[in-house]
Amino acid sequence: LAMERQALQAMSAAERREALWEQRYAAFGADAEQIWAAELRNQKISDALSELGSQPALGARGSAEQFVESLREQFGHDAEALLASRRTELLNRIVELETVQSDLRRQPAERRRQTLRELRQVMGMDEAALDRWQALDQRRDERWQQGELYMREREALVSQYSGEAKEAELAALRERMFGENAAAIAREEQGGFFRYARERRIGRE
């Protein structure tokens, strides 16, 4: 591995994976799959997610259903234990797929929250957890609605004022909109980051 590191780095991810497994099997035979079981498991999960990412017609819930089915095909009886131990991580990876995000962005807020609940249900969450997540979705929606309103009002102030007057107006707006979080928002903006100007990752924030 040390001798071939430079050559491996020049390969594509697929070529590198194939070359590594070829050498692992040559050195360790069938035991290679036990030695690198965690990597093999993670690669199967990544492959399943990549496959979902190429199927926009599935939608959010359909993507979760297809993913769970893929896990059961790949891991058999071990699939449920895998889901139980990594449920939130796997859920987040599904939600962050661009095909899933696109589906969620097209939905009105109430329907979107219901879709997220269904997606989490497919992933095996119980009713108490579903209720907690749905309450969090509600708070997140309210926070982003407030953030979008802030950006509109901010834009109006920036067009009306300049210099110290502009800074004073913006500080007052942040205080009114965000209260104790106003200072954190101001620091972000000083660094060029506007959290509510970017595209939201629904189900994650």
N, C-alpha and C. Protein backbone atom coordinates (compact mmCIF):
# COMPACT_ATOMS: atom_id res chain seq x y z
N LEU A 1 0.83 -1.20 0.00
CA LEU A 1 0.00 0.00 0.00
C LEU A 1 0.87 1.25 0.00
N ALA A 2 1.93 1.24 0.82
CA ALA A 2 2.83 2.40 0.86
C ALA A 2 3.54 2.59 -0.48
N MET A 3 3.94 1.50 -1.10
CA MET A 3 4.66 1.60 -2.37
C MET A 3 3.77 2.11 -3.50
N GLU A 4 2.48 1.78 -3.43
CA GLU A 4 1.58 2.12 -4.53
C GLU A 4 0.70 3.34 -4.23
N ARG A 5 0.98 4.04 -3.13
CA ARG A 5 0.11 5.13 -2.69
C ARG A 5 -0.08 6.19 -3.78
N GLN A 6 1.01 6.58 -4.43
CA GLN A 6 0.91 7.63 -5.45
C GLN A 6 0.05 7.17 -6.63
N ALA A 7 0.23 5.93 -7.04
CA ALA A 7 -0.56 5.40 -8.16
C ALA A 7 -2.04 5.32 -7.77
N LEU A 8 -2.31 4.92 -6.54
CA LEU A 8 -3.69 4.82 -6.08
C LEU A 8 -4.37 6.18 -6.04
N GLN A 9 -3.64 7.20 -5.62
CA GLN A 9 -4.20 8.54 -5.53
C GLN A 9 -4.57 9.09 -6.91
N ALA A 10 -3.90 8.60 -7.94
CA ALA A 10 -4.16 9.07 -9.30
C ALA A 10 -5.38 8.39 -9.92
N MET A 11 -5.89 7.34 -9.29
CA MET A 11 -7.02 6.59 -9.82
C MET A 11 -8.34 7.25 -9.46
N SER A 12 -9.39 6.89 -10.20
CA SER A 12 -10.74 7.28 -9.80
C SER A 12 -11.12 6.46 -8.58
N ALA A 13 -12.17 6.88 -7.88
CA ALA A 13 -12.60 6.17 -6.68
C ALA A 13 -12.93 4.71 -6.99
N ALA A 14 -13.61 4.46 -8.12
CA ALA A 14 -13.99 3.09 -8.48
C ALA A 14 -12.75 2.25 -8.80
N GLU A 15 -11.81 2.83 -9.54
CA GLU A 15 -10.59 2.10 -9.88
C GLU A 15 -9.77 1.79 -8.64
N ARG A 16 -9.69 2.76 -7.73
CA ARG A 16 -8.93 2.56 -6.50
C ARG A 16 -9.55 1.46 -5.65
N ARG A 17 -10.87 1.46 -5.55
CA ARG A 17 -11.56 0.43 -4.76
C ARG A 17 -11.30 -0.95 -5.36
N GLU A 18 -11.38 -1.05 -6.68
CA GLU A 18 -11.15 -2.34 -7.35
C GLU A 18 -9.73 -2.82 -7.12
N ALA A 19 -8.76 -1.91 -7.23
CA ALA A 19 -7.36 -2.29 -7.05
C ALA A 19 -7.09 -2.73 -5.61
N LEU A 20 -7.66 -2.01 -4.66
CA LEU A 20 -7.46 -2.37 -3.25
C LEU A 20 -8.03 -3.74 -2.94
N TRP A 21 -9.25 -3.98 -3.42
CA TRP A 21 -9.86 -5.28 -3.13
C TRP A 21 -9.12 -6.42 -3.83
N GLU A 22 -8.59 -6.16 -4.98
CA GLU A 22 -7.80 -7.18 -5.68
C GLU A 22 -6.60 -7.59 -4.83
N GLN A 23 -5.91 -6.61 -4.26
CA GLN A 23 -4.74 -6.91 -3.43
C GLN A 23 -5.13 -7.53 -2.09
N ARG A 24 -6.26 -7.10 -1.53
CA ARG A 24 -6.72 -7.67 -0.26
C ARG A 24 -7.04 -9.16 -0.43
N TYR A 25 -7.74 -9.48 -1.51
CA TYR A 25 -8.05 -10.89 -1.76
C TYR A 25 -6.78 -11.69 -2.02
N ALA A 26 -5.82 -11.08 -2.74
CA ALA A 26 -4.57 -11.78 -3.03
C ALA A 26 -3.80 -12.07 -1.74
N ALA A 27 -3.85 -11.13 -0.80
CA ALA A 27 -3.08 -11.29 0.44
C ALA A 27 -3.80 -12.13 1.49
N PHE A 28 -5.12 -11.99 1.58
CA PHE A 28 -5.84 -12.60 2.70
C PHE A 28 -6.94 -13.57 2.29
N GLY A 29 -7.18 -13.72 1.00
CA GLY A 29 -8.22 -14.63 0.55
C GLY A 29 -9.60 -14.17 1.02
N ALA A 30 -10.45 -15.14 1.34
CA ALA A 30 -11.81 -14.82 1.76
C ALA A 30 -11.85 -14.05 3.07
N ASP A 31 -10.76 -14.15 3.88
CA ASP A 31 -10.72 -13.41 5.15
C ASP A 31 -10.74 -11.90 4.93
N ALA A 32 -10.42 -11.44 3.73
CA ALA A 32 -10.41 -10.00 3.45
C ALA A 32 -11.77 -9.38 3.75
N GLU A 33 -12.83 -10.13 3.47
CA GLU A 33 -14.17 -9.58 3.69
C GLU A 33 -14.47 -9.43 5.17
N GLN A 34 -13.85 -10.27 6.01
CA GLN A 34 -14.00 -10.10 7.46
C GLN A 34 -13.15 -8.95 7.97
N ILE A 35 -11.93 -8.86 7.47
CA ILE A 35 -11.01 -7.82 7.94
C ILE A 35 -11.55 -6.43 7.62
N TRP A 36 -12.10 -6.29 6.43
CA TRP A 36 -12.61 -4.99 6.01
C TRP A 36 -14.14 -4.99 5.95
N ALA A 37 -14.75 -5.70 6.91
CA ALA A 37 -16.21 -5.83 6.91
C ALA A 37 -16.90 -4.47 7.04
N ALA A 38 -16.38 -3.61 7.90
CA ALA A 38 -17.01 -2.29 8.10
C ALA A 38 -16.95 -1.46 6.82
N GLU A 39 -15.80 -1.49 6.15
CA GLU A 39 -15.68 -0.75 4.89
C GLU A 39 -16.61 -1.31 3.83
N LEU A 40 -16.69 -2.63 3.76
CA LEU A 40 -17.56 -3.26 2.78
C LEU A 40 -19.02 -2.89 3.04
N ARG A 41 -19.41 -2.90 4.31
CA ARG A 41 -20.77 -2.53 4.68
C ARG A 41 -21.07 -1.07 4.30
N ASN A 42 -20.12 -0.18 4.62
CA ASN A 42 -20.33 1.24 4.30
C ASN A 42 -20.38 1.47 2.80
N GLN A 43 -19.60 0.69 2.04
CA GLN A 43 -19.62 0.85 0.60
C GLN A 43 -20.97 0.41 0.01
N LYS A 44 -21.52 -0.65 0.56
CA LYS A 44 -22.84 -1.10 0.09
C LYS A 44 -23.90 -0.05 0.39
N ILE A 45 -23.80 0.58 1.55
CA ILE A 45 -24.75 1.64 1.89
C ILE A 45 -24.59 2.83 0.94
N SER A 46 -23.34 3.22 0.68
CA SER A 46 -23.09 4.34 -0.23
C SER A 46 -23.58 4.03 -1.63
N ASP A 47 -23.39 2.79 -2.07
CA ASP A 47 -23.86 2.40 -3.41
C ASP A 47 -25.38 2.49 -3.49
N ALA A 48 -26.05 2.06 -2.42
CA ALA A 48 -27.52 2.13 -2.40
C ALA A 48 -27.99 3.58 -2.45
N LEU A 49 -27.31 4.46 -1.73
CA LEU A 49 -27.67 5.88 -1.73
C LEU A 49 -27.41 6.51 -3.09
N SER A 50 -26.30 6.14 -3.71
CA SER A 50 -25.99 6.66 -5.05
C SER A 50 -27.05 6.25 -6.06
N GLU A 51 -27.51 5.02 -5.93
CA GLU A 51 -28.56 4.53 -6.82
C GLU A 51 -29.84 5.34 -6.63
N LEU A 52 -30.17 5.65 -5.38
CA LEU A 52 -31.36 6.46 -5.11
C LEU A 52 -31.22 7.84 -5.72
N GLY A 53 -30.01 8.40 -5.65
CA GLY A 53 -29.79 9.74 -6.16
C GLY A 53 -30.01 9.88 -7.63
N SER A 54 -30.04 8.77 -8.35
CA SER A 54 -30.26 8.81 -9.79
C SER A 54 -31.71 8.51 -10.17
N GLN A 55 -32.59 8.46 -9.15
CA GLN A 55 -34.00 8.12 -9.41
C GLN A 55 -34.93 9.18 -8.82
N PRO A 56 -34.99 10.36 -9.43
CA PRO A 56 -35.82 11.45 -8.87
C PRO A 56 -37.30 11.12 -8.80
N ALA A 57 -37.77 10.22 -9.64
CA ALA A 57 -39.21 9.92 -9.67
C ALA A 57 -39.68 9.22 -8.40
N LEU A 58 -38.76 8.69 -7.60
CA LEU A 58 -39.15 7.98 -6.38
C LEU A 58 -39.75 8.92 -5.35
N GLY A 59 -39.30 10.17 -5.31
CA GLY A 59 -39.75 11.10 -4.28
C GLY A 59 -39.13 10.77 -2.94
N ALA A 60 -39.48 11.56 -1.91
CA ALA A 60 -38.86 11.41 -0.60
C ALA A 60 -39.22 10.07 0.05
N ARG A 61 -40.51 9.79 0.18
CA ARG A 61 -40.91 8.54 0.83
C ARG A 61 -40.46 7.33 0.01
N GLY A 62 -40.61 7.40 -1.29
CA GLY A 62 -40.21 6.29 -2.14
C GLY A 62 -38.72 6.00 -2.03
N SER A 63 -37.92 7.05 -1.87
CA SER A 63 -36.48 6.86 -1.70
C SER A 63 -36.18 6.10 -0.42
N ALA A 64 -36.87 6.46 0.67
CA ALA A 64 -36.66 5.76 1.93
C ALA A 64 -37.08 4.29 1.82
N GLU A 65 -38.21 4.05 1.19
CA GLU A 65 -38.69 2.67 1.03
C GLU A 65 -37.71 1.86 0.20
N GLN A 66 -37.21 2.44 -0.88
CA GLN A 66 -36.26 1.74 -1.74
C GLN A 66 -34.96 1.47 -1.00
N PHE A 67 -34.52 2.43 -0.18
CA PHE A 67 -33.28 2.27 0.57
C PHE A 67 -33.40 1.13 1.59
N VAL A 68 -34.49 1.10 2.32
CA VAL A 68 -34.69 0.03 3.30
C VAL A 68 -34.75 -1.33 2.60
N GLU A 69 -35.41 -1.38 1.47
CA GLU A 69 -35.47 -2.63 0.71
C GLU A 69 -34.08 -3.06 0.25
N SER A 70 -33.27 -2.09 -0.19
CA SER A 70 -31.90 -2.40 -0.61
C SER A 70 -31.08 -2.95 0.54
N LEU A 71 -31.24 -2.35 1.73
CA LEU A 71 -30.52 -2.86 2.90
C LEU A 71 -30.92 -4.30 3.21
N ARG A 72 -32.20 -4.58 3.12
CA ARG A 72 -32.66 -5.94 3.42
C ARG A 72 -32.13 -6.94 2.40
N GLU A 73 -32.03 -6.51 1.15
CA GLU A 73 -31.47 -7.39 0.13
C GLU A 73 -29.98 -7.63 0.36
N GLN A 74 -29.27 -6.57 0.75
CA GLN A 74 -27.82 -6.65 0.92
C GLN A 74 -27.42 -7.37 2.21
N PHE A 75 -28.16 -7.10 3.30
CA PHE A 75 -27.71 -7.56 4.62
C PHE A 75 -28.63 -8.60 5.27
N GLY A 76 -29.74 -8.92 4.62
CA GLY A 76 -30.62 -9.95 5.15
C GLY A 76 -31.10 -9.64 6.56
N HIS A 77 -30.96 -10.61 7.45
CA HIS A 77 -31.45 -10.47 8.82
C HIS A 77 -30.69 -9.38 9.59
N ASP A 78 -29.49 -9.03 9.13
CA ASP A 78 -28.70 -8.01 9.82
C ASP A 78 -29.18 -6.60 9.50
N ALA A 79 -30.06 -6.47 8.53
CA ALA A 79 -30.49 -5.13 8.10
C ALA A 79 -31.18 -4.37 9.22
N GLU A 80 -32.02 -5.04 10.00
CA GLU A 80 -32.76 -4.35 11.06
C GLU A 80 -31.82 -3.85 12.15
N ALA A 81 -30.82 -4.65 12.49
CA ALA A 81 -29.84 -4.22 13.49
C ALA A 81 -29.03 -3.03 12.98
N LEU A 82 -28.70 -3.06 11.70
CA LEU A 82 -27.97 -1.95 11.09
C LEU A 82 -28.81 -0.67 11.13
N LEU A 83 -30.08 -0.79 10.79
CA LEU A 83 -30.98 0.36 10.84
C LEU A 83 -31.10 0.90 12.27
N ALA A 84 -31.25 -0.01 13.23
CA ALA A 84 -31.43 0.42 14.62
C ALA A 84 -30.21 1.16 15.15
N SER A 85 -29.02 0.72 14.76
CA SER A 85 -27.79 1.31 15.29
C SER A 85 -27.39 2.60 14.58
N ARG A 86 -27.87 2.79 13.34
CA ARG A 86 -27.44 3.96 12.56
C ARG A 86 -28.62 4.71 11.95
N ARG A 87 -29.76 4.62 12.61
CA ARG A 87 -31.00 5.14 12.02
C ARG A 87 -30.92 6.63 11.67
N THR A 88 -30.48 7.45 12.63
CA THR A 88 -30.46 8.90 12.38
C THR A 88 -29.44 9.26 11.31
N GLU A 89 -28.28 8.62 11.34
CA GLU A 89 -27.26 8.88 10.32
C GLU A 89 -27.78 8.54 8.92
N LEU A 90 -28.37 7.36 8.79
CA LEU A 90 -28.87 6.93 7.49
C LEU A 90 -30.04 7.80 7.03
N LEU A 91 -30.89 8.18 7.96
CA LEU A 91 -32.00 9.07 7.65
C LEU A 91 -31.48 10.39 7.11
N ASN A 92 -30.47 10.95 7.76
CA ASN A 92 -29.91 12.22 7.31
C ASN A 92 -29.31 12.11 5.91
N ARG A 93 -28.69 10.99 5.63
CA ARG A 93 -28.08 10.82 4.30
C ARG A 93 -29.15 10.72 3.22
N ILE A 94 -30.28 10.10 3.53
CA ILE A 94 -31.37 10.05 2.57
C ILE A 94 -31.96 11.45 2.36
N VAL A 95 -32.21 12.15 3.46
CA VAL A 95 -32.82 13.48 3.38
C VAL A 95 -31.94 14.43 2.57
N GLU A 96 -30.62 14.28 2.66
CA GLU A 96 -29.71 15.20 1.98
C GLU A 96 -29.52 14.87 0.50
N LEU A 97 -30.07 13.77 0.03
CA LEU A 97 -30.01 13.50 -1.41
C LEU A 97 -30.71 14.63 -2.17
N GLU A 98 -30.12 15.12 -3.23
CA GLU A 98 -30.70 16.25 -3.95
C GLU A 98 -32.07 15.90 -4.52
N THR A 99 -32.27 14.65 -4.92
CA THR A 99 -33.58 14.25 -5.43
C THR A 99 -34.64 14.36 -4.34
N VAL A 100 -34.28 14.01 -3.11
CA VAL A 100 -35.22 14.11 -1.98
C VAL A 100 -35.45 15.57 -1.63
N GLN A 101 -34.37 16.36 -1.58
CA GLN A 101 -34.52 17.79 -1.30
C GLN A 101 -35.42 18.47 -2.33
N SER A 102 -35.26 18.14 -3.59
CA SER A 102 -36.08 18.74 -4.64
C SER A 102 -37.54 18.41 -4.45
N ASP A 103 -37.82 17.15 -4.08
CA ASP A 103 -39.20 16.74 -3.84
C ASP A 103 -39.79 17.52 -2.66
N LEU A 104 -39.03 17.64 -1.57
CA LEU A 104 -39.51 18.34 -0.38
C LEU A 104 -39.74 19.83 -0.66
N ARG A 105 -38.86 20.44 -1.44
CA ARG A 105 -38.99 21.88 -1.72
C ARG A 105 -40.24 22.19 -2.54
N ARG A 106 -40.71 21.22 -3.31
CA ARG A 106 -41.90 21.45 -4.12
C ARG A 106 -43.19 21.40 -3.31
N GLN A 107 -43.11 20.89 -2.08
CA GLN A 107 -44.31 20.66 -1.29
C GLN A 107 -44.60 21.84 -0.36
N PRO A 108 -45.88 22.17 -0.15
CA PRO A 108 -46.22 23.18 0.86
C PRO A 108 -45.81 22.68 2.24
N ALA A 109 -45.66 23.60 3.19
CA ALA A 109 -45.07 23.27 4.49
C ALA A 109 -45.78 22.12 5.21
N GLU A 110 -47.11 22.15 5.25
CA GLU A 110 -47.84 21.13 5.98
C GLU A 110 -47.64 19.75 5.36
N ARG A 111 -47.72 19.69 4.03
CA ARG A 111 -47.52 18.41 3.34
C ARG A 111 -46.07 17.94 3.51
N ARG A 112 -45.14 18.87 3.48
CA ARG A 112 -43.72 18.52 3.63
C ARG A 112 -43.46 17.89 5.00
N ARG A 113 -44.06 18.46 6.04
CA ARG A 113 -43.88 17.88 7.38
C ARG A 113 -44.47 16.48 7.45
N GLN A 114 -45.59 16.26 6.77
CA GLN A 114 -46.19 14.93 6.75
C GLN A 114 -45.30 13.95 5.99
N THR A 115 -44.71 14.42 4.88
CA THR A 115 -43.81 13.56 4.10
C THR A 115 -42.59 13.17 4.93
N LEU A 116 -42.03 14.13 5.67
CA LEU A 116 -40.88 13.82 6.52
C LEU A 116 -41.26 12.81 7.59
N ARG A 117 -42.47 12.94 8.13
CA ARG A 117 -42.93 11.97 9.13
C ARG A 117 -43.02 10.58 8.51
N GLU A 118 -43.58 10.49 7.31
CA GLU A 118 -43.70 9.20 6.63
C GLU A 118 -42.33 8.61 6.34
N LEU A 119 -41.40 9.45 5.92
CA LEU A 119 -40.05 8.99 5.61
C LEU A 119 -39.40 8.39 6.86
N ARG A 120 -39.53 9.09 7.98
CA ARG A 120 -38.94 8.59 9.24
C ARG A 120 -39.64 7.32 9.71
N GLN A 121 -40.94 7.23 9.45
CA GLN A 121 -41.68 6.02 9.81
C GLN A 121 -41.16 4.82 9.03
N VAL A 122 -40.92 5.04 7.74
CA VAL A 122 -40.35 3.98 6.90
C VAL A 122 -39.01 3.52 7.45
N MET A 123 -38.24 4.46 8.01
CA MET A 123 -36.93 4.12 8.56
C MET A 123 -37.01 3.48 9.94
N GLY A 124 -38.24 3.31 10.47
CA GLY A 124 -38.42 2.52 11.69
C GLY A 124 -38.55 3.30 12.97
N MET A 125 -38.77 4.60 12.91
CA MET A 125 -38.94 5.38 14.13
C MET A 125 -40.30 5.11 14.75
N ASP A 126 -40.35 5.13 16.09
CA ASP A 126 -41.62 4.90 16.78
C ASP A 126 -42.42 6.20 16.85
N GLU A 127 -43.65 6.10 17.33
CA GLU A 127 -44.56 7.25 17.32
C GLU A 127 -44.04 8.41 18.18
N ALA A 128 -43.45 8.10 19.33
CA ALA A 128 -42.94 9.16 20.19
C ALA A 128 -41.83 9.94 19.49
N ALA A 129 -40.93 9.21 18.81
CA ALA A 129 -39.85 9.87 18.08
C ALA A 129 -40.41 10.67 16.91
N LEU A 130 -41.41 10.12 16.22
CA LEU A 130 -42.03 10.83 15.09
C LEU A 130 -42.64 12.15 15.55
N ASP A 131 -43.29 12.13 16.72
CA ASP A 131 -43.90 13.35 17.24
C ASP A 131 -42.84 14.38 17.59
N ARG A 132 -41.73 13.94 18.18
CA ARG A 132 -40.65 14.87 18.54
C ARG A 132 -40.06 15.51 17.29
N TRP A 133 -39.83 14.68 16.27
CA TRP A 133 -39.27 15.21 15.02
C TRP A 133 -40.24 16.17 14.35
N GLN A 134 -41.52 15.85 14.37
CA GLN A 134 -42.50 16.72 13.73
C GLN A 134 -42.56 18.08 14.43
N ALA A 135 -42.46 18.07 15.75
CA ALA A 135 -42.42 19.34 16.50
C ALA A 135 -41.18 20.14 16.13
N LEU A 136 -40.05 19.44 15.94
CA LEU A 136 -38.82 20.11 15.53
C LEU A 136 -38.97 20.69 14.13
N ASP A 137 -39.60 19.94 13.23
CA ASP A 137 -39.86 20.46 11.87
C ASP A 137 -40.66 21.75 11.92
N GLN A 138 -41.65 21.79 12.79
CA GLN A 138 -42.49 22.98 12.93
C GLN A 138 -41.63 24.18 13.37
N ARG A 139 -40.78 23.96 14.37
CA ARG A 139 -39.92 25.05 14.86
C ARG A 139 -38.95 25.49 13.78
N ARG A 140 -38.41 24.53 13.05
CA ARG A 140 -37.48 24.88 11.98
C ARG A 140 -38.17 25.70 10.89
N ASP A 141 -39.38 25.33 10.52
CA ASP A 141 -40.13 26.08 9.51
C ASP A 141 -40.36 27.51 9.98
N GLU A 142 -40.74 27.66 11.24
CA GLU A 142 -40.99 28.99 11.78
C GLU A 142 -39.72 29.83 11.78
N ARG A 143 -38.59 29.19 12.14
CA ARG A 143 -37.32 29.90 12.16
C ARG A 143 -36.91 30.36 10.77
N TRP A 144 -37.12 29.51 9.77
CA TRP A 144 -36.74 29.89 8.41
C TRP A 144 -37.70 30.92 7.83
N GLN A 145 -38.96 30.86 8.19
CA GLN A 145 -39.90 31.91 7.76
C GLN A 145 -39.45 33.26 8.32
N GLN A 146 -39.05 33.26 9.58
CA GLN A 146 -38.56 34.49 10.20
C GLN A 146 -37.27 34.94 9.51
N GLY A 147 -36.39 33.99 9.21
CA GLY A 147 -35.14 34.33 8.55
C GLY A 147 -35.35 34.93 7.17
N GLU A 148 -36.29 34.37 6.43
CA GLU A 148 -36.58 34.91 5.09
C GLU A 148 -37.17 36.31 5.18
N LEU A 149 -38.02 36.54 6.19
CA LEU A 149 -38.56 37.88 6.41
C LEU A 149 -37.44 38.84 6.77
N TYR A 150 -36.53 38.40 7.62
CA TYR A 150 -35.37 39.22 8.00
C TYR A 150 -34.57 39.63 6.77
N MET A 151 -34.31 38.69 5.86
CA MET A 151 -33.51 39.00 4.68
C MET A 151 -34.20 40.03 3.80
N ARG A 152 -35.52 39.95 3.69
CA ARG A 152 -36.25 40.95 2.89
C ARG A 152 -36.15 42.32 3.53
N GLU A 153 -36.35 42.37 4.84
CA GLU A 153 -36.26 43.66 5.53
C GLU A 153 -34.84 44.18 5.51
N ARG A 154 -33.88 43.30 5.61
CA ARG A 154 -32.47 43.70 5.56
C ARG A 154 -32.14 44.33 4.21
N GLU A 155 -32.60 43.68 3.16
CA GLU A 155 -32.34 44.20 1.81
C GLU A 155 -32.93 45.60 1.64
N ALA A 156 -34.12 45.82 2.20
CA ALA A 156 -34.75 47.14 2.11
C ALA A 156 -33.93 48.18 2.86
N LEU A 157 -33.41 47.83 4.04
CA LEU A 157 -32.61 48.77 4.81
C LEU A 157 -31.29 49.10 4.11
N VAL A 158 -30.66 48.09 3.53
CA VAL A 158 -29.39 48.30 2.83
C VAL A 158 -29.57 49.25 1.65
N SER A 159 -30.74 49.18 1.01
CA SER A 159 -31.00 50.07 -0.13
C SER A 159 -31.34 51.50 0.30
N GLN A 160 -31.77 51.67 1.55
CA GLN A 160 -32.19 52.98 2.03
C GLN A 160 -31.11 53.74 2.78
N TYR A 161 -30.22 53.02 3.46
CA TYR A 161 -29.25 53.65 4.34
C TYR A 161 -27.82 53.31 3.93
N SER A 162 -26.88 54.06 4.48
CA SER A 162 -25.47 53.80 4.26
C SER A 162 -24.69 54.19 5.51
N GLY A 163 -23.45 53.76 5.55
CA GLY A 163 -22.57 54.14 6.65
C GLY A 163 -23.07 53.71 8.01
N GLU A 164 -22.86 54.58 9.01
CA GLU A 164 -23.21 54.26 10.39
C GLU A 164 -24.72 54.10 10.57
N ALA A 165 -25.49 54.88 9.80
CA ALA A 165 -26.94 54.78 9.90
C ALA A 165 -27.41 53.39 9.47
N LYS A 166 -26.81 52.87 8.41
CA LYS A 166 -27.17 51.53 7.95
C LYS A 166 -26.84 50.49 9.02
N GLU A 167 -25.64 50.58 9.62
CA GLU A 167 -25.25 49.62 10.63
C GLU A 167 -26.18 49.67 11.84
N ALA A 168 -26.58 50.88 12.21
CA ALA A 168 -27.49 51.02 13.36
C ALA A 168 -28.85 50.41 13.05
N GLU A 169 -29.36 50.64 11.85
CA GLU A 169 -30.65 50.08 11.46
C GLU A 169 -30.59 48.55 11.41
N LEU A 170 -29.49 48.02 10.87
CA LEU A 170 -29.35 46.57 10.78
C LEU A 170 -29.24 45.95 12.17
N ALA A 171 -28.50 46.61 13.06
CA ALA A 171 -28.37 46.09 14.43
C ALA A 171 -29.73 46.05 15.12
N ALA A 172 -30.53 47.10 14.92
CA ALA A 172 -31.86 47.13 15.52
C ALA A 172 -32.75 46.04 14.93
N LEU A 173 -32.65 45.82 13.63
CA LEU A 173 -33.43 44.77 12.99
C LEU A 173 -33.05 43.40 13.52
N ARG A 174 -31.75 43.14 13.63
CA ARG A 174 -31.30 41.84 14.16
C ARG A 174 -31.79 41.63 15.59
N GLU A 175 -31.72 42.68 16.40
CA GLU A 175 -32.16 42.58 17.78
C GLU A 175 -33.65 42.27 17.84
N ARG A 176 -34.42 42.94 17.00
CA ARG A 176 -35.87 42.72 16.98
C ARG A 176 -36.23 41.33 16.50
N MET A 177 -35.52 40.85 15.49
CA MET A 177 -35.87 39.57 14.87
C MET A 177 -35.29 38.36 15.61
N PHE A 178 -34.10 38.53 16.21
CA PHE A 178 -33.39 37.36 16.73
C PHE A 178 -33.06 37.43 18.22
N GLY A 179 -33.30 38.55 18.85
CA GLY A 179 -33.08 38.65 20.29
C GLY A 179 -31.67 38.28 20.70
N GLU A 180 -31.56 37.28 21.58
CA GLU A 180 -30.25 36.91 22.11
C GLU A 180 -29.32 36.32 21.06
N ASN A 181 -29.85 35.92 19.91
CA ASN A 181 -29.02 35.38 18.84
C ASN A 181 -28.55 36.46 17.87
N ALA A 182 -28.91 37.73 18.12
CA ALA A 182 -28.57 38.81 17.19
C ALA A 182 -27.06 38.96 17.03
N ALA A 183 -26.31 38.83 18.13
CA ALA A 183 -24.86 38.99 18.05
C ALA A 183 -24.22 37.90 17.18
N ALA A 184 -24.74 36.68 17.29
CA ALA A 184 -24.20 35.59 16.47
C ALA A 184 -24.48 35.83 14.99
N ILE A 185 -25.68 36.32 14.67
CA ILE A 185 -26.03 36.64 13.28
C ILE A 185 -25.12 37.74 12.76
N ALA A 186 -24.86 38.76 13.59
CA ALA A 186 -23.99 39.87 13.17
C ALA A 186 -22.58 39.37 12.87
N ARG A 187 -22.05 38.48 13.71
CA ARG A 187 -20.70 37.94 13.47
C ARG A 187 -20.65 37.15 12.18
N GLU A 188 -21.69 36.37 11.92
CA GLU A 188 -21.74 35.62 10.66
C GLU A 188 -21.71 36.55 9.46
N GLU A 189 -22.50 37.61 9.53
CA GLU A 189 -22.58 38.54 8.41
C GLU A 189 -21.26 39.27 8.21
N GLN A 190 -20.57 39.58 9.31
CA GLN A 190 -19.26 40.23 9.19
C GLN A 190 -18.27 39.32 8.47
N GLY A 191 -18.46 38.02 8.64
CA GLY A 191 -17.61 37.05 7.95
C GLY A 191 -18.10 36.70 6.55
N GLY A 192 -19.18 37.34 6.11
CA GLY A 192 -19.69 37.10 4.76
C GLY A 192 -20.67 35.95 4.63
N PHE A 193 -21.15 35.43 5.78
CA PHE A 193 -22.08 34.30 5.75
C PHE A 193 -23.48 34.77 6.12
N PHE A 194 -24.44 34.51 5.24
CA PHE A 194 -25.83 34.88 5.48
C PHE A 194 -26.65 33.59 5.47
N ARG A 195 -26.93 33.09 6.68
CA ARG A 195 -27.51 31.75 6.80
C ARG A 195 -28.86 31.62 6.11
N TYR A 196 -29.64 32.69 6.03
CA TYR A 196 -30.97 32.59 5.44
C TYR A 196 -31.00 33.03 3.98
N ALA A 197 -29.85 33.33 3.41
CA ALA A 197 -29.79 33.67 2.00
C ALA A 197 -29.49 32.43 1.14
N ARG A 198 -28.99 31.39 1.78
CA ARG A 198 -28.66 30.17 1.05
C ARG A 198 -29.88 29.25 0.98
N GLU A 199 -29.73 28.19 0.19
CA GLU A 199 -30.83 27.24 0.06
C GLU A 199 -30.88 26.34 1.29
N ARG A 200 -32.04 26.21 1.84
CA ARG A 200 -32.24 25.43 3.06
C ARG A 200 -32.13 23.94 2.79
N ARG A 201 -31.54 23.22 3.73
CA ARG A 201 -31.54 21.76 3.69
C ARG A 201 -32.73 21.27 4.52
N ILE A 202 -33.82 21.03 3.87
CA ILE A 202 -35.06 20.67 4.57
C ILE A 202 -34.88 19.33 5.27
N GLY A 203 -35.41 19.26 6.50
CA GLY A 203 -35.26 18.05 7.29
C GLY A 203 -33.99 18.00 8.08
N ARG A 204 -33.09 18.97 7.83
CA ARG A 204 -31.83 19.03 8.55
C ARG A 204 -31.67 20.33 9.31
N GLU A 205 -32.43 21.37 8.87
CA GLU A 205 -32.33 22.67 9.54
C GLU A 205 -33.61 23.44 9.33
